[in-house]
Amino acid sequence: MTNMPVLPPEIARRRTFAIISHPDAGKTTLTEKFLLFGGAIQMAGQVRAKGEARRTRSDFMKMEQDRGISVSASAMSFEFDKYLFNLVDTPGHSDFSEDTYRTLTAVDAAIMVIDGAKGVESQTRKLFEVCRLRDLPILTFCNKMDRESRDTFEIIDEIQENLAIDVSPASWPIGMGRDFIGAYDLLNDRLEIMDRADRNKVAESVKISGLDDPKLADHVPADLLEKLREELEMARELLPAFDRQAFLEGHLTPIWFGSAINSFGVRELMAGIGEYGPQPQPQNASERQISPDEKPVTGFVFKVQANMDPKHRDRVAFVRLASGHFERGMKLLHVRSKKPMAVSNPVLFLAADRELAEEAWAGDIIGIPNHGQLRIGDALTEGEVLRFTGIPSFAPELLQTVRAGDPMKAKHLEKALMQFAEEGAAKVFKPMIGSGFIVGVVGALQFEVLASRIEIEYGLPVRFEPSQFTSARWVAGPKDKVEAFANVNKGHMAQDHDGDLVYLTRLQWDIDRVQRDHPDLKLTATKEMMV
């Protein structure tokens, strides 16, 4: 990162990041407070709102609002201080992890939210591994300190041991649970005091010159103050000081303590992302690396969302700009189809609200409404043929057949399934023998979401039934060998929505046998979404 070119100021001020966590650690609440402090909304909603209280902005699907979980990743752009934040909220539920993996290909850093009582949970660990593969810098926010939580050292130890990353405290909590009164900001020597009365109020901040300042006693009870001084002395001995280089290389994570629902600790975290977070980073394509300061505009689609607005059958492709200064109305080359595409109504998001984007720069995430031309993994450039790498598609772990409640509507069902396949919400396989479709997903909850979306968005009641197959593998190899293999195993063969061959089976034994008997063929559980 040391030899990065100096970026134009407009690009250098952008911070593009995702928020990751286990379900229920408070990720969506934190997202809301980011929007509140960024001045993007006047009042933060709640995930489980009662009566007239406003619901959250980032959960726009009906199902998300009914269940209080985030099902699809959403993007938001807003200003904070002198920075422009592009925040991508990801689903925490493991059944939607594929959406999250792909989202992480489009950001430069991640904020990991941890519940102060539960510490590092399974899904956090999985997502952290993905960040590690991509060497993403990670900032940690330990949430829910206003509830009974674990000892601060214990939480830090658990992160260091479980995730094998150094942890440097950026703030230190004072008291916990009912006694939690605030935190000491170690990076700026400030005392941050929480106001429990008004959840939307920004915490009071007192400037202090070190821990021996007599002003501390005016705000912190004597017993808590003594404990704070002891703990900080230990922390300074035992834990590494914050080192920006180690953080940017992904070896060290700064940790802030706070309570998102009480708006506490959030502003310090945001200031930390602005000041220390990475500028837009170079992106990898199979031909070369693309630097954000290059003049020509390039970008790639990392997510497609169908029917964001139920009144219009629209589909929005989320595009991460990798380089250049994009202006509305530009003609870009759609590399897969080799056709030019005029981007006349690109949008910037604020969750479900959107506005026309007159311009955007490298690092930004824009939405391009389209009628199915754009797919995940597609590249858009000013003429150069590029293929962006590292956007994965995973083999599904659960397979079921799908039937329309009304047999006359089989055609409509096919259209709906293709839309969801291109959106990346499910894999759809068309078996070579027999009619119907087999739908594959990563987690069981996705079947419910699909059934509910097909019914709400297309007016088609459907039912999913167990399939005879349990796993799917993509088949690759010399063309004649692949064709011969497909002819012999017709009962097991299907095509995915891109037309690629897939081998369906019940047993791992079958997969091993194919690899033994057909050394020229490769059966893979992932496929790069490339054109």
Protein backbone atom coordinates (compact mmCIF):
# COMPACT_ATOMS: atom_id res chain seq x y z
CA MET A 1 0.00 0.00 0.00
CA THR A 2 3.01 2.29 0.36
CA ASN A 3 3.52 2.69 -3.38
CA MET A 4 -0.05 3.78 -4.08
CA PRO A 5 -0.29 6.76 -6.45
CA VAL A 6 -1.54 10.07 -5.05
CA LEU A 7 -5.26 10.08 -5.79
CA PRO A 8 -7.29 13.10 -6.94
CA PRO A 9 -8.89 14.69 -3.83
CA GLU A 10 -12.42 13.71 -4.91
CA ILE A 11 -11.43 10.01 -5.01
CA ALA A 12 -9.15 10.18 -1.96
CA ARG A 13 -12.01 11.34 0.27
CA ARG A 14 -14.13 8.27 -0.46
CA ARG A 15 -14.38 5.41 2.02
CA THR A 16 -16.14 2.29 0.77
CA PHE A 17 -16.81 -0.32 3.44
CA ALA A 18 -19.16 -3.08 4.54
CA ILE A 19 -20.54 -3.89 7.96
CA ILE A 20 -20.32 -7.59 8.89
CA SER A 21 -21.51 -9.48 11.95
CA HIS A 22 -23.39 -12.43 13.36
CA PRO A 23 -27.20 -11.92 13.24
CA ASP A 24 -28.47 -9.80 16.13
CA ALA A 25 -25.16 -8.17 17.05
CA GLY A 26 -26.66 -4.80 16.10
CA LYS A 27 -25.43 -4.28 12.57
CA THR A 28 -28.57 -2.72 11.14
CA THR A 29 -28.93 -0.44 14.20
CA LEU A 30 -25.36 0.73 13.69
CA THR A 31 -26.10 1.40 10.01
CA GLU A 32 -29.06 3.58 11.03
CA LYS A 33 -26.91 5.65 13.38
CA PHE A 34 -24.31 6.13 10.64
CA LEU A 35 -27.06 7.65 8.49
CA LEU A 36 -28.19 9.79 11.42
CA PHE A 37 -24.73 11.25 12.06
CA GLY A 38 -24.08 11.60 8.35
CA GLY A 39 -27.11 13.90 8.32
CA ALA A 40 -28.80 11.57 5.87
CA ILE A 41 -31.84 10.98 8.08
CA GLN A 42 -33.41 12.99 10.88
CA MET A 43 -34.37 10.14 13.16
CA ALA A 44 -32.97 6.63 13.40
CA GLY A 45 -35.48 3.81 13.05
CA GLN A 46 -35.49 0.56 14.98
CA VAL A 47 -35.28 -2.97 13.65
CA ARG A 48 -38.14 -4.07 15.90
CA ALA A 49 -40.28 -0.95 15.84
CA LYS A 50 -43.56 -0.92 17.72
CA GLY A 51 -46.61 1.02 16.62
CA GLU A 52 -45.69 4.33 15.08
CA ALA A 53 -41.91 4.19 15.72
CA ARG A 54 -40.08 4.38 12.42
CA ARG A 55 -38.64 1.22 10.98
CA THR A 56 -35.08 0.93 9.75
CA ARG A 57 -34.09 2.32 6.38
CA SER A 58 -31.88 -0.45 5.16
CA ASP A 59 -34.39 -3.32 5.51
CA PHE A 60 -36.73 -2.49 2.63
CA MET A 61 -38.21 -5.92 1.80
CA LYS A 62 -41.50 -6.85 3.37
CA MET A 63 -40.03 -10.05 4.76
CA GLU A 64 -37.13 -8.18 6.39
CA GLN A 65 -39.56 -5.89 8.15
CA ASP A 66 -41.75 -8.75 9.35
CA ARG A 67 -38.89 -10.80 10.73
CA GLY A 68 -36.50 -8.10 11.89
CA ILE A 69 -33.58 -9.55 9.90
CA SER A 70 -31.67 -8.27 6.88
CA VAL A 71 -32.04 -10.54 3.87
CA SER A 72 -30.33 -8.63 1.11
CA ALA A 73 -27.32 -6.36 1.01
CA SER A 74 -28.17 -2.68 0.57
CA ALA A 75 -25.92 0.26 -0.31
CA MET A 76 -25.94 3.79 1.05
CA SER A 77 -23.91 6.89 0.21
CA PHE A 78 -23.70 9.89 2.54
CA GLU A 79 -21.30 12.63 3.62
CA PHE A 80 -19.60 12.73 6.99
CA ASP A 81 -17.15 15.45 7.93
CA LYS A 82 -14.94 15.91 4.85
CA TYR A 83 -15.41 12.30 3.70
CA LEU A 84 -17.94 10.58 1.49
CA PHE A 85 -18.98 7.18 2.87
CA ASN A 86 -20.23 4.35 0.68
CA LEU A 87 -21.61 1.86 3.16
CA VAL A 88 -22.84 -1.60 2.22
CA ASP A 89 -25.01 -3.31 4.82
CA THR A 90 -24.81 -7.10 4.45
CA PRO A 91 -27.14 -9.86 5.67
CA GLY A 92 -25.78 -11.42 8.88
CA HIS A 93 -27.85 -14.60 8.58
CA SER A 94 -25.66 -17.47 7.38
CA ASP A 95 -28.31 -18.57 4.86
CA PHE A 96 -27.49 -15.45 2.85
CA SER A 97 -23.73 -15.65 3.13
CA GLU A 98 -23.18 -15.78 -0.64
CA ASP A 99 -24.64 -12.30 -1.03
CA THR A 100 -22.25 -11.16 1.70
CA TYR A 101 -19.18 -12.82 0.13
CA ARG A 102 -19.85 -11.05 -3.14
CA THR A 103 -20.43 -7.73 -1.41
CA LEU A 104 -17.01 -8.00 0.21
CA THR A 105 -15.44 -8.02 -3.28
CA ALA A 106 -16.71 -4.48 -3.80
CA VAL A 107 -15.42 -2.76 -0.64
CA ASP A 108 -12.03 -1.60 0.65
CA ALA A 109 -12.57 -2.22 4.38
CA ALA A 110 -15.00 -3.87 6.78
CA ILE A 111 -16.46 -3.03 10.17
CA MET A 112 -16.94 -6.10 12.32
CA VAL A 113 -19.69 -5.71 14.91
CA ILE A 114 -19.41 -7.88 18.01
CA ASP A 115 -21.95 -8.31 20.80
CA GLY A 116 -20.31 -7.43 24.15
CA ALA A 117 -21.98 -10.37 25.90
CA LYS A 118 -21.50 -13.05 23.23
CA GLY A 119 -18.08 -12.19 21.82
CA VAL A 120 -16.97 -13.79 18.54
CA GLU A 121 -19.79 -15.92 17.09
CA SER A 122 -19.71 -18.50 14.30
CA GLN A 123 -20.92 -16.32 11.44
CA THR A 124 -18.51 -13.54 12.44
CA ARG A 125 -15.69 -16.04 12.16
CA LYS A 126 -16.77 -17.16 8.68
CA LEU A 127 -17.07 -13.61 7.36
CA PHE A 128 -13.79 -12.67 8.96
CA GLU A 129 -12.12 -15.50 7.01
CA VAL A 130 -13.39 -13.97 3.76
CA CYS A 131 -11.99 -10.56 4.75
CA ARG A 132 -8.71 -12.26 5.54
CA LEU A 133 -8.60 -13.90 2.08
CA ARG A 134 -9.00 -10.48 0.54
CA ASP A 135 -6.63 -8.79 3.05
CA LEU A 136 -9.34 -6.29 3.92
CA PRO A 137 -8.54 -3.89 6.77
CA ILE A 138 -10.98 -4.44 9.63
CA LEU A 139 -12.29 -2.06 12.28
CA THR A 140 -14.08 -3.64 15.24
CA PHE A 141 -17.05 -2.22 17.13
CA CYS A 142 -18.00 -3.95 20.38
CA ASN A 143 -21.70 -3.21 20.76
CA LYS A 144 -24.28 -3.45 23.57
CA MET A 145 -21.94 -2.28 26.35
CA ASP A 146 -24.98 -0.79 28.09
CA ARG A 147 -26.14 -4.36 28.78
CA GLU A 148 -24.36 -6.91 30.93
CA SER A 149 -21.27 -7.76 28.93
CA ARG A 150 -18.02 -9.60 29.41
CA ASP A 151 -14.77 -8.27 30.78
CA THR A 152 -13.01 -6.01 28.27
CA PHE A 153 -9.74 -7.99 28.34
CA GLU A 154 -11.68 -11.21 27.85
CA ILE A 155 -13.39 -9.84 24.72
CA ILE A 156 -10.06 -8.64 23.29
CA ASP A 157 -8.37 -11.99 24.09
CA GLU A 158 -11.16 -13.88 22.37
CA ILE A 159 -10.79 -11.80 19.18
CA GLN A 160 -7.01 -12.26 19.19
CA GLU A 161 -7.22 -16.02 19.74
CA ASN A 162 -10.18 -16.85 17.52
CA LEU A 163 -9.33 -14.61 14.61
CA ALA A 164 -5.53 -14.53 14.92
CA ILE A 165 -5.33 -10.76 14.56
CA ASP A 166 -3.76 -8.16 16.87
CA VAL A 167 -6.26 -5.91 18.65
CA SER A 168 -5.50 -2.32 19.59
CA PRO A 169 -8.06 -0.50 21.77
CA ALA A 170 -9.18 2.81 20.25
CA SER A 171 -11.48 3.47 23.20
CA TRP A 172 -11.97 1.89 26.64
CA PRO A 173 -15.36 1.35 28.30
CA ILE A 174 -16.07 2.87 31.73
CA GLY A 175 -18.32 0.53 33.72
CA MET A 176 -20.66 -1.93 32.02
CA GLY A 177 -24.33 -2.87 31.94
CA ARG A 178 -26.29 -0.54 34.21
CA ASP A 179 -23.12 1.22 35.36
CA PHE A 180 -21.89 1.91 31.84
CA ILE A 181 -21.41 5.68 31.65
CA GLY A 182 -19.26 6.05 28.58
CA ALA A 183 -15.79 5.41 27.18
CA TYR A 184 -12.36 6.94 27.20
CA ASP A 185 -11.15 7.80 23.70
CA LEU A 186 -7.52 6.64 23.64
CA LEU A 187 -6.66 8.05 20.22
CA ASN A 188 -7.64 11.62 21.14
CA ASP A 189 -7.48 11.64 24.98
CA ARG A 190 -11.16 12.48 25.36
CA LEU A 191 -13.89 11.36 27.68
CA GLU A 192 -17.13 10.42 25.92
CA ILE A 193 -20.20 10.41 28.17
CA MET A 194 -23.38 8.60 27.19
CA ASP A 195 -26.82 10.13 27.56
CA ARG A 196 -29.39 7.41 28.28
CA ALA A 197 -32.37 9.73 28.08
CA ASP A 198 -32.34 10.48 24.36
CA ARG A 199 -31.29 7.70 22.01
CA ASN A 200 -30.83 9.98 19.04
CA LYS A 201 -28.63 12.49 20.86
CA VAL A 202 -24.94 12.67 20.15
CA ALA A 203 -22.80 11.82 23.18
CA GLU A 204 -21.16 14.62 25.17
CA SER A 205 -17.41 14.84 24.72
CA VAL A 206 -14.97 16.26 27.29
CA LYS A 207 -11.38 17.08 26.22
CA ILE A 208 -8.89 15.82 28.80
CA SER A 209 -5.14 15.97 29.10
CA GLY A 210 -4.35 12.38 30.06
CA LEU A 211 -5.69 10.15 32.82
CA ASP A 212 -4.35 12.29 35.69
CA ASP A 213 -6.53 15.25 34.74
CA PRO A 214 -8.58 16.31 37.83
CA LYS A 215 -11.55 17.02 35.48
CA LEU A 216 -12.10 13.26 35.22
CA ALA A 217 -13.38 13.09 38.81
CA ASP A 218 -16.21 15.52 37.94
CA HIS A 219 -17.67 13.04 35.46
CA VAL A 220 -16.64 9.56 36.61
CA PRO A 221 -17.48 8.00 40.02
CA ALA A 222 -14.35 7.30 42.13
CA ASP A 223 -14.55 3.46 42.02
CA LEU A 224 -14.97 3.40 38.23
CA LEU A 225 -12.18 5.92 37.77
CA GLU A 226 -9.74 3.83 39.77
CA LYS A 227 -10.67 0.74 37.77
CA LEU A 228 -10.28 2.67 34.48
CA ARG A 229 -6.77 3.83 35.42
CA GLU A 230 -5.72 0.31 36.43
CA GLU A 231 -7.12 -1.29 33.29
CA LEU A 232 -5.60 1.26 30.96
CA GLU A 233 -2.19 0.82 32.55
CA MET A 234 -2.47 -2.92 31.93
CA ALA A 235 -3.79 -2.38 28.41
CA ARG A 236 -0.86 -0.14 27.51
CA GLU A 237 1.56 -2.81 28.72
CA LEU A 238 -0.18 -5.82 27.19
CA LEU A 239 -1.77 -4.62 23.96
CA PRO A 240 -0.15 -3.15 20.83
CA ALA A 241 -0.52 0.57 20.14
CA PHE A 242 -2.48 1.48 17.02
CA ASP A 243 -0.32 1.25 13.89
CA ARG A 244 -2.02 2.38 10.68
CA GLN A 245 0.26 0.38 8.38
CA ALA A 246 -0.43 -2.90 10.23
CA PHE A 247 -4.16 -2.08 10.13
CA LEU A 248 -4.15 -1.40 6.37
CA GLU A 249 -2.31 -4.67 5.76
CA GLY A 250 -4.97 -6.52 7.73
CA HIS A 251 -2.78 -7.64 10.68
CA LEU A 252 -4.29 -5.38 13.34
CA THR A 253 -7.79 -4.19 14.15
CA PRO A 254 -8.62 -1.12 16.25
CA ILE A 255 -11.59 -1.72 18.59
CA TRP A 256 -14.18 0.83 19.77
CA PHE A 257 -16.65 0.11 22.58
CA GLY A 258 -20.14 1.52 22.59
CA SER A 259 -23.86 1.08 22.35
CA ALA A 260 -25.32 1.66 18.89
CA ILE A 261 -28.92 1.91 20.08
CA ASN A 262 -27.92 4.75 22.44
CA SER A 263 -25.92 6.43 19.65
CA PHE A 264 -22.83 5.92 21.74
CA GLY A 265 -19.34 5.32 20.34
CA VAL A 266 -20.65 5.52 16.77
CA ARG A 267 -19.28 8.93 15.92
CA GLU A 268 -15.78 7.97 17.12
CA LEU A 269 -15.94 4.87 14.94
CA MET A 270 -16.98 6.99 11.93
CA ALA A 271 -14.16 9.45 12.58
CA GLY A 272 -11.80 6.45 12.76
CA ILE A 273 -12.91 5.17 9.35
CA GLY A 274 -12.51 8.62 7.84
CA GLU A 275 -9.08 9.27 9.31
CA TYR A 276 -7.46 5.83 9.17
CA GLY A 277 -9.56 3.84 6.68
CA PRO A 278 -8.17 3.02 3.23
CA GLN A 279 -8.80 5.19 0.17
CA PRO A 280 -10.28 3.39 -2.88
CA GLN A 281 -7.93 0.50 -3.69
CA PRO A 282 -6.77 -0.98 -7.01
CA GLN A 283 -9.05 -3.76 -8.34
CA ASN A 284 -7.88 -6.99 -9.97
CA ALA A 285 -8.83 -7.99 -13.48
CA SER A 286 -7.48 -11.03 -15.29
CA GLU A 287 -5.63 -8.77 -17.75
CA ARG A 288 -4.04 -6.36 -15.24
CA GLN A 289 -4.59 -4.40 -12.06
CA ILE A 290 -6.76 -1.30 -12.34
CA SER A 291 -5.70 1.73 -10.34
CA PRO A 292 -8.40 4.14 -9.09
CA ASP A 293 -6.58 7.18 -10.48
CA GLU A 294 -6.79 6.03 -14.12
CA LYS A 295 -8.77 8.36 -16.37
CA PRO A 296 -11.04 5.87 -18.21
CA VAL A 297 -14.11 4.73 -16.29
CA THR A 298 -14.26 1.02 -15.35
CA GLY A 299 -16.54 -0.83 -12.96
CA PHE A 300 -18.05 -4.22 -12.21
CA VAL A 301 -21.45 -5.53 -11.13
CA PHE A 302 -21.30 -7.28 -7.75
CA LYS A 303 -25.01 -7.55 -7.06
CA VAL A 304 -28.31 -7.44 -8.90
CA GLN A 305 -31.54 -6.72 -7.08
CA ALA A 306 -34.84 -7.40 -8.85
CA ASN A 307 -38.08 -5.60 -8.04
CA MET A 308 -36.69 -3.11 -5.51
CA ASP A 309 -39.69 -1.06 -6.45
CA PRO A 310 -42.65 -3.48 -6.64
CA LYS A 311 -44.63 -1.08 -8.88
CA HIS A 312 -42.07 -1.43 -11.66
CA ARG A 313 -40.49 -4.68 -12.76
CA ASP A 314 -37.15 -3.02 -12.45
CA ARG A 315 -33.79 -4.59 -11.80
CA VAL A 316 -30.97 -2.60 -10.40
CA ALA A 317 -27.37 -3.67 -10.93
CA PHE A 318 -25.05 -2.46 -8.16
CA VAL A 319 -21.79 -1.35 -9.78
CA ARG A 320 -18.54 -0.64 -7.96
CA LEU A 321 -16.54 1.92 -9.93
CA ALA A 322 -12.91 0.86 -10.09
CA SER A 323 -11.48 3.92 -11.84
CA GLY A 324 -12.27 7.21 -13.49
CA HIS A 325 -14.86 9.96 -13.17
CA PHE A 326 -18.27 8.77 -14.32
CA GLU A 327 -20.85 11.25 -15.62
CA ARG A 328 -24.52 10.60 -16.25
CA GLY A 329 -25.34 9.78 -19.87
CA MET A 330 -21.94 8.24 -20.59
CA LYS A 331 -21.71 5.39 -23.08
CA LEU A 332 -19.89 2.41 -21.62
CA LEU A 333 -18.93 -0.90 -23.24
CA HIS A 334 -20.74 -3.88 -21.74
CA VAL A 335 -17.82 -6.30 -22.08
CA ARG A 336 -19.77 -9.60 -22.06
CA SER A 337 -22.13 -8.66 -24.90
CA LYS A 338 -19.55 -6.36 -26.59
CA LYS A 339 -22.32 -3.76 -26.98
CA PRO A 340 -22.22 -0.10 -25.93
CA MET A 341 -24.66 0.86 -23.20
CA ALA A 342 -25.81 4.42 -22.48
CA VAL A 343 -26.13 4.88 -18.75
CA SER A 344 -28.79 7.56 -18.69
CA ASN A 345 -30.38 7.15 -15.26
CA PRO A 346 -27.79 5.86 -12.77
CA VAL A 347 -28.84 6.15 -9.12
CA LEU A 348 -27.16 6.70 -5.78
CA PHE A 349 -28.82 4.94 -2.90
CA LEU A 350 -29.92 5.83 0.51
CA ALA A 351 -31.29 2.35 1.25
CA ALA A 352 -34.77 2.26 -0.36
CA ASP A 353 -34.67 5.94 -1.41
CA ARG A 354 -32.67 6.81 -4.46
CA GLU A 355 -31.67 9.87 -6.38
CA LEU A 356 -30.21 10.34 -9.84
CA ALA A 357 -26.43 10.36 -9.83
CA GLU A 358 -25.12 13.18 -11.99
CA GLU A 359 -21.55 11.99 -11.42
CA ALA A 360 -19.60 9.39 -9.48
CA TRP A 361 -15.94 8.62 -8.87
CA ALA A 362 -13.77 5.54 -8.37
CA GLY A 363 -14.79 3.88 -5.10
CA ASP A 364 -18.46 4.83 -5.43
CA ILE A 365 -21.30 2.33 -5.73
CA ILE A 366 -24.00 3.29 -8.21
CA GLY A 367 -27.13 1.51 -9.28
CA ILE A 368 -27.93 1.01 -12.95
CA PRO A 369 -31.59 0.15 -13.62
CA ASN A 370 -31.83 -2.32 -16.52
CA HIS A 371 -34.01 -5.04 -17.95
CA GLY A 372 -31.77 -8.00 -17.44
CA GLN A 373 -28.74 -7.03 -19.54
CA LEU A 374 -26.45 -6.76 -16.52
CA ARG A 375 -25.43 -9.78 -14.46
CA ILE A 376 -23.17 -10.37 -11.49
CA GLY A 377 -19.54 -10.26 -12.60
CA ASP A 378 -20.16 -8.08 -15.68
CA ALA A 379 -17.58 -5.40 -16.47
CA LEU A 380 -18.35 -1.93 -17.82
CA THR A 381 -15.50 0.06 -19.39
CA GLU A 382 -14.81 2.86 -21.84
CA GLY A 383 -13.77 0.36 -24.49
CA GLU A 384 -11.08 -1.81 -22.91
CA VAL A 385 -11.90 -5.51 -22.64
CA LEU A 386 -11.48 -6.40 -18.97
CA ARG A 387 -12.61 -9.30 -16.85
CA PHE A 388 -12.71 -8.61 -13.13
CA THR A 389 -11.68 -11.57 -11.00
CA GLY A 390 -12.54 -12.84 -7.57
CA ILE A 391 -16.35 -12.68 -7.67
CA PRO A 392 -17.32 -16.19 -6.59
CA SER A 393 -20.37 -18.31 -7.21
CA PHE A 394 -20.71 -21.25 -4.80
CA ALA A 395 -22.25 -24.67 -5.32
CA PRO A 396 -25.56 -24.82 -3.43
CA GLU A 397 -25.81 -27.08 -0.39
CA LEU A 398 -29.57 -27.71 -0.60
CA LEU A 399 -31.49 -28.69 -3.74
CA GLN A 400 -35.27 -28.84 -4.21
CA THR A 401 -37.60 -29.06 -7.18
CA VAL A 402 -40.09 -26.25 -7.66
CA ARG A 403 -43.65 -26.44 -9.01
CA ALA A 404 -46.10 -23.63 -9.78
CA GLY A 405 -49.42 -23.94 -7.95
CA ASP A 406 -51.10 -23.37 -11.31
CA PRO A 407 -49.62 -25.64 -14.05
CA MET A 408 -50.70 -23.13 -16.73
CA LYS A 409 -48.19 -20.63 -15.35
CA ALA A 410 -45.05 -22.71 -15.89
CA LYS A 411 -43.70 -20.07 -18.31
CA HIS A 412 -44.13 -17.29 -15.72
CA LEU A 413 -42.34 -19.44 -13.17
CA GLU A 414 -39.39 -19.92 -15.53
CA LYS A 415 -39.11 -16.14 -15.98
CA ALA A 416 -39.26 -15.52 -12.22
CA LEU A 417 -36.62 -18.18 -11.52
CA MET A 418 -34.27 -16.77 -14.15
CA GLN A 419 -34.57 -13.34 -12.56
CA PHE A 420 -33.62 -14.72 -9.15
CA ALA A 421 -30.76 -16.73 -10.65
CA GLU A 422 -29.31 -13.64 -12.27
CA GLU A 423 -29.77 -11.72 -9.06
CA GLY A 424 -27.67 -14.40 -7.36
CA ALA A 425 -30.48 -15.22 -4.91
CA ALA A 426 -30.48 -18.90 -5.94
CA LYS A 427 -29.02 -21.32 -8.46
CA VAL A 428 -31.49 -22.62 -11.01
CA PHE A 429 -30.73 -25.87 -12.84
CA LYS A 430 -32.63 -27.23 -15.84
CA PRO A 431 -32.19 -31.03 -15.92
CA MET A 432 -31.41 -32.54 -19.33
CA ILE A 433 -34.11 -35.17 -18.86
CA GLY A 434 -37.61 -34.38 -17.65
CA SER A 435 -39.32 -31.05 -17.17
CA GLY A 436 -39.28 -28.57 -14.33
CA PHE A 437 -36.44 -26.87 -12.52
CA ILE A 438 -34.20 -27.68 -9.59
CA VAL A 439 -33.42 -24.76 -7.31
CA GLY A 440 -30.27 -24.75 -5.20
CA VAL A 441 -29.52 -22.51 -2.22
CA VAL A 442 -26.95 -22.20 0.55
CA GLY A 443 -29.38 -22.09 3.49
CA ALA A 444 -32.92 -23.37 4.10
CA LEU A 445 -34.32 -19.92 4.90
CA GLN A 446 -33.68 -18.94 1.28
CA PHE A 447 -36.44 -21.29 0.06
CA GLU A 448 -38.93 -19.43 2.25
CA VAL A 449 -37.68 -16.07 1.03
CA LEU A 450 -37.88 -17.22 -2.60
CA ALA A 451 -41.39 -18.61 -2.23
CA SER A 452 -42.55 -15.44 -0.53
CA ARG A 453 -40.89 -13.17 -3.13
CA ILE A 454 -42.24 -15.17 -6.12
CA GLU A 455 -45.72 -14.87 -4.65
CA ILE A 456 -45.48 -11.16 -3.73
CA GLU A 457 -43.57 -9.97 -6.80
CA TYR A 458 -45.06 -12.25 -9.49
CA GLY A 459 -48.40 -13.30 -7.98
CA LEU A 460 -47.38 -16.97 -8.36
CA PRO A 461 -47.91 -19.36 -5.45
CA VAL A 462 -45.22 -22.08 -5.68
CA ARG A 463 -44.21 -25.10 -3.68
CA PHE A 464 -40.76 -26.52 -3.15
CA GLU A 465 -40.42 -30.30 -2.91
CA PRO A 466 -37.45 -32.47 -1.94
CA SER A 467 -35.25 -33.37 -4.90
CA GLN A 468 -33.50 -36.70 -5.40
CA PHE A 469 -30.18 -34.81 -5.63
CA THR A 470 -28.17 -33.32 -2.80
CA SER A 471 -25.15 -31.71 -4.44
CA ALA A 472 -24.14 -29.96 -7.64
CA ARG A 473 -20.74 -29.54 -9.28
CA TRP A 474 -19.73 -27.57 -12.36
CA VAL A 475 -18.05 -29.68 -15.04
CA ALA A 476 -15.04 -28.34 -16.93
CA GLY A 477 -12.54 -29.91 -19.32
CA PRO A 478 -11.87 -30.54 -23.04
CA LYS A 479 -15.09 -30.08 -25.03
CA ASP A 480 -15.25 -33.60 -26.56
CA LYS A 481 -14.60 -35.26 -23.17
CA VAL A 482 -17.29 -33.14 -21.49
CA GLU A 483 -19.83 -34.00 -24.21
CA ALA A 484 -19.07 -37.73 -24.02
CA PHE A 485 -19.41 -37.64 -20.23
CA ALA A 486 -22.72 -35.73 -20.44
CA ASN A 487 -24.16 -38.28 -22.93
CA VAL A 488 -23.41 -41.22 -20.64
CA ASN A 489 -24.73 -39.47 -17.50
CA LYS A 490 -27.80 -37.75 -18.92
CA GLY A 491 -29.90 -38.50 -15.83
CA HIS A 492 -27.46 -36.54 -13.68
CA MET A 493 -26.79 -33.59 -15.99
CA ALA A 494 -28.34 -30.13 -15.91
CA GLN A 495 -27.54 -26.62 -17.13
CA ASP A 496 -27.36 -23.54 -14.94
CA HIS A 497 -28.85 -20.21 -16.03
CA ASP A 498 -25.64 -19.32 -17.91
CA GLY A 499 -25.90 -22.58 -19.87
CA ASP A 500 -22.89 -24.15 -18.11
CA LEU A 501 -22.98 -27.90 -17.49
CA VAL A 502 -23.64 -29.12 -13.97
CA TYR A 503 -23.39 -32.64 -12.57
CA LEU A 504 -26.08 -33.39 -9.96
CA THR A 505 -25.70 -36.26 -7.54
CA ARG A 506 -26.78 -37.73 -4.23
CA LEU A 507 -23.46 -39.10 -3.08
CA GLN A 508 -19.94 -37.84 -2.50
CA TRP A 509 -18.92 -41.29 -3.77
CA ASP A 510 -20.22 -40.38 -7.26
CA ILE A 511 -18.09 -37.23 -7.30
CA ASP A 512 -14.98 -39.19 -6.25
CA ARG A 513 -15.72 -41.86 -8.88
CA VAL A 514 -16.02 -39.29 -11.68
CA GLN A 515 -12.72 -37.74 -10.67
CA ARG A 516 -11.07 -41.16 -10.62
CA ASP A 517 -12.53 -42.45 -13.92
CA HIS A 518 -12.32 -39.15 -15.83
CA PRO A 519 -8.99 -37.53 -14.98
CA ASP A 520 -9.42 -34.96 -17.79
CA LEU A 521 -12.57 -33.51 -16.24
CA LYS A 522 -12.75 -31.12 -13.35
CA LEU A 523 -15.73 -31.00 -10.98
CA THR A 524 -15.71 -27.74 -9.03
CA ALA A 525 -17.80 -26.38 -6.16
CA THR A 526 -17.20 -22.74 -7.13
CA LYS A 527 -17.34 -20.90 -10.37
CA GLU A 528 -15.88 -17.46 -11.03
CA MET A 529 -18.64 -15.11 -12.16
CA MET A 530 -16.79 -13.97 -15.24
CA VAL A 531 -17.80 -13.27 -18.78
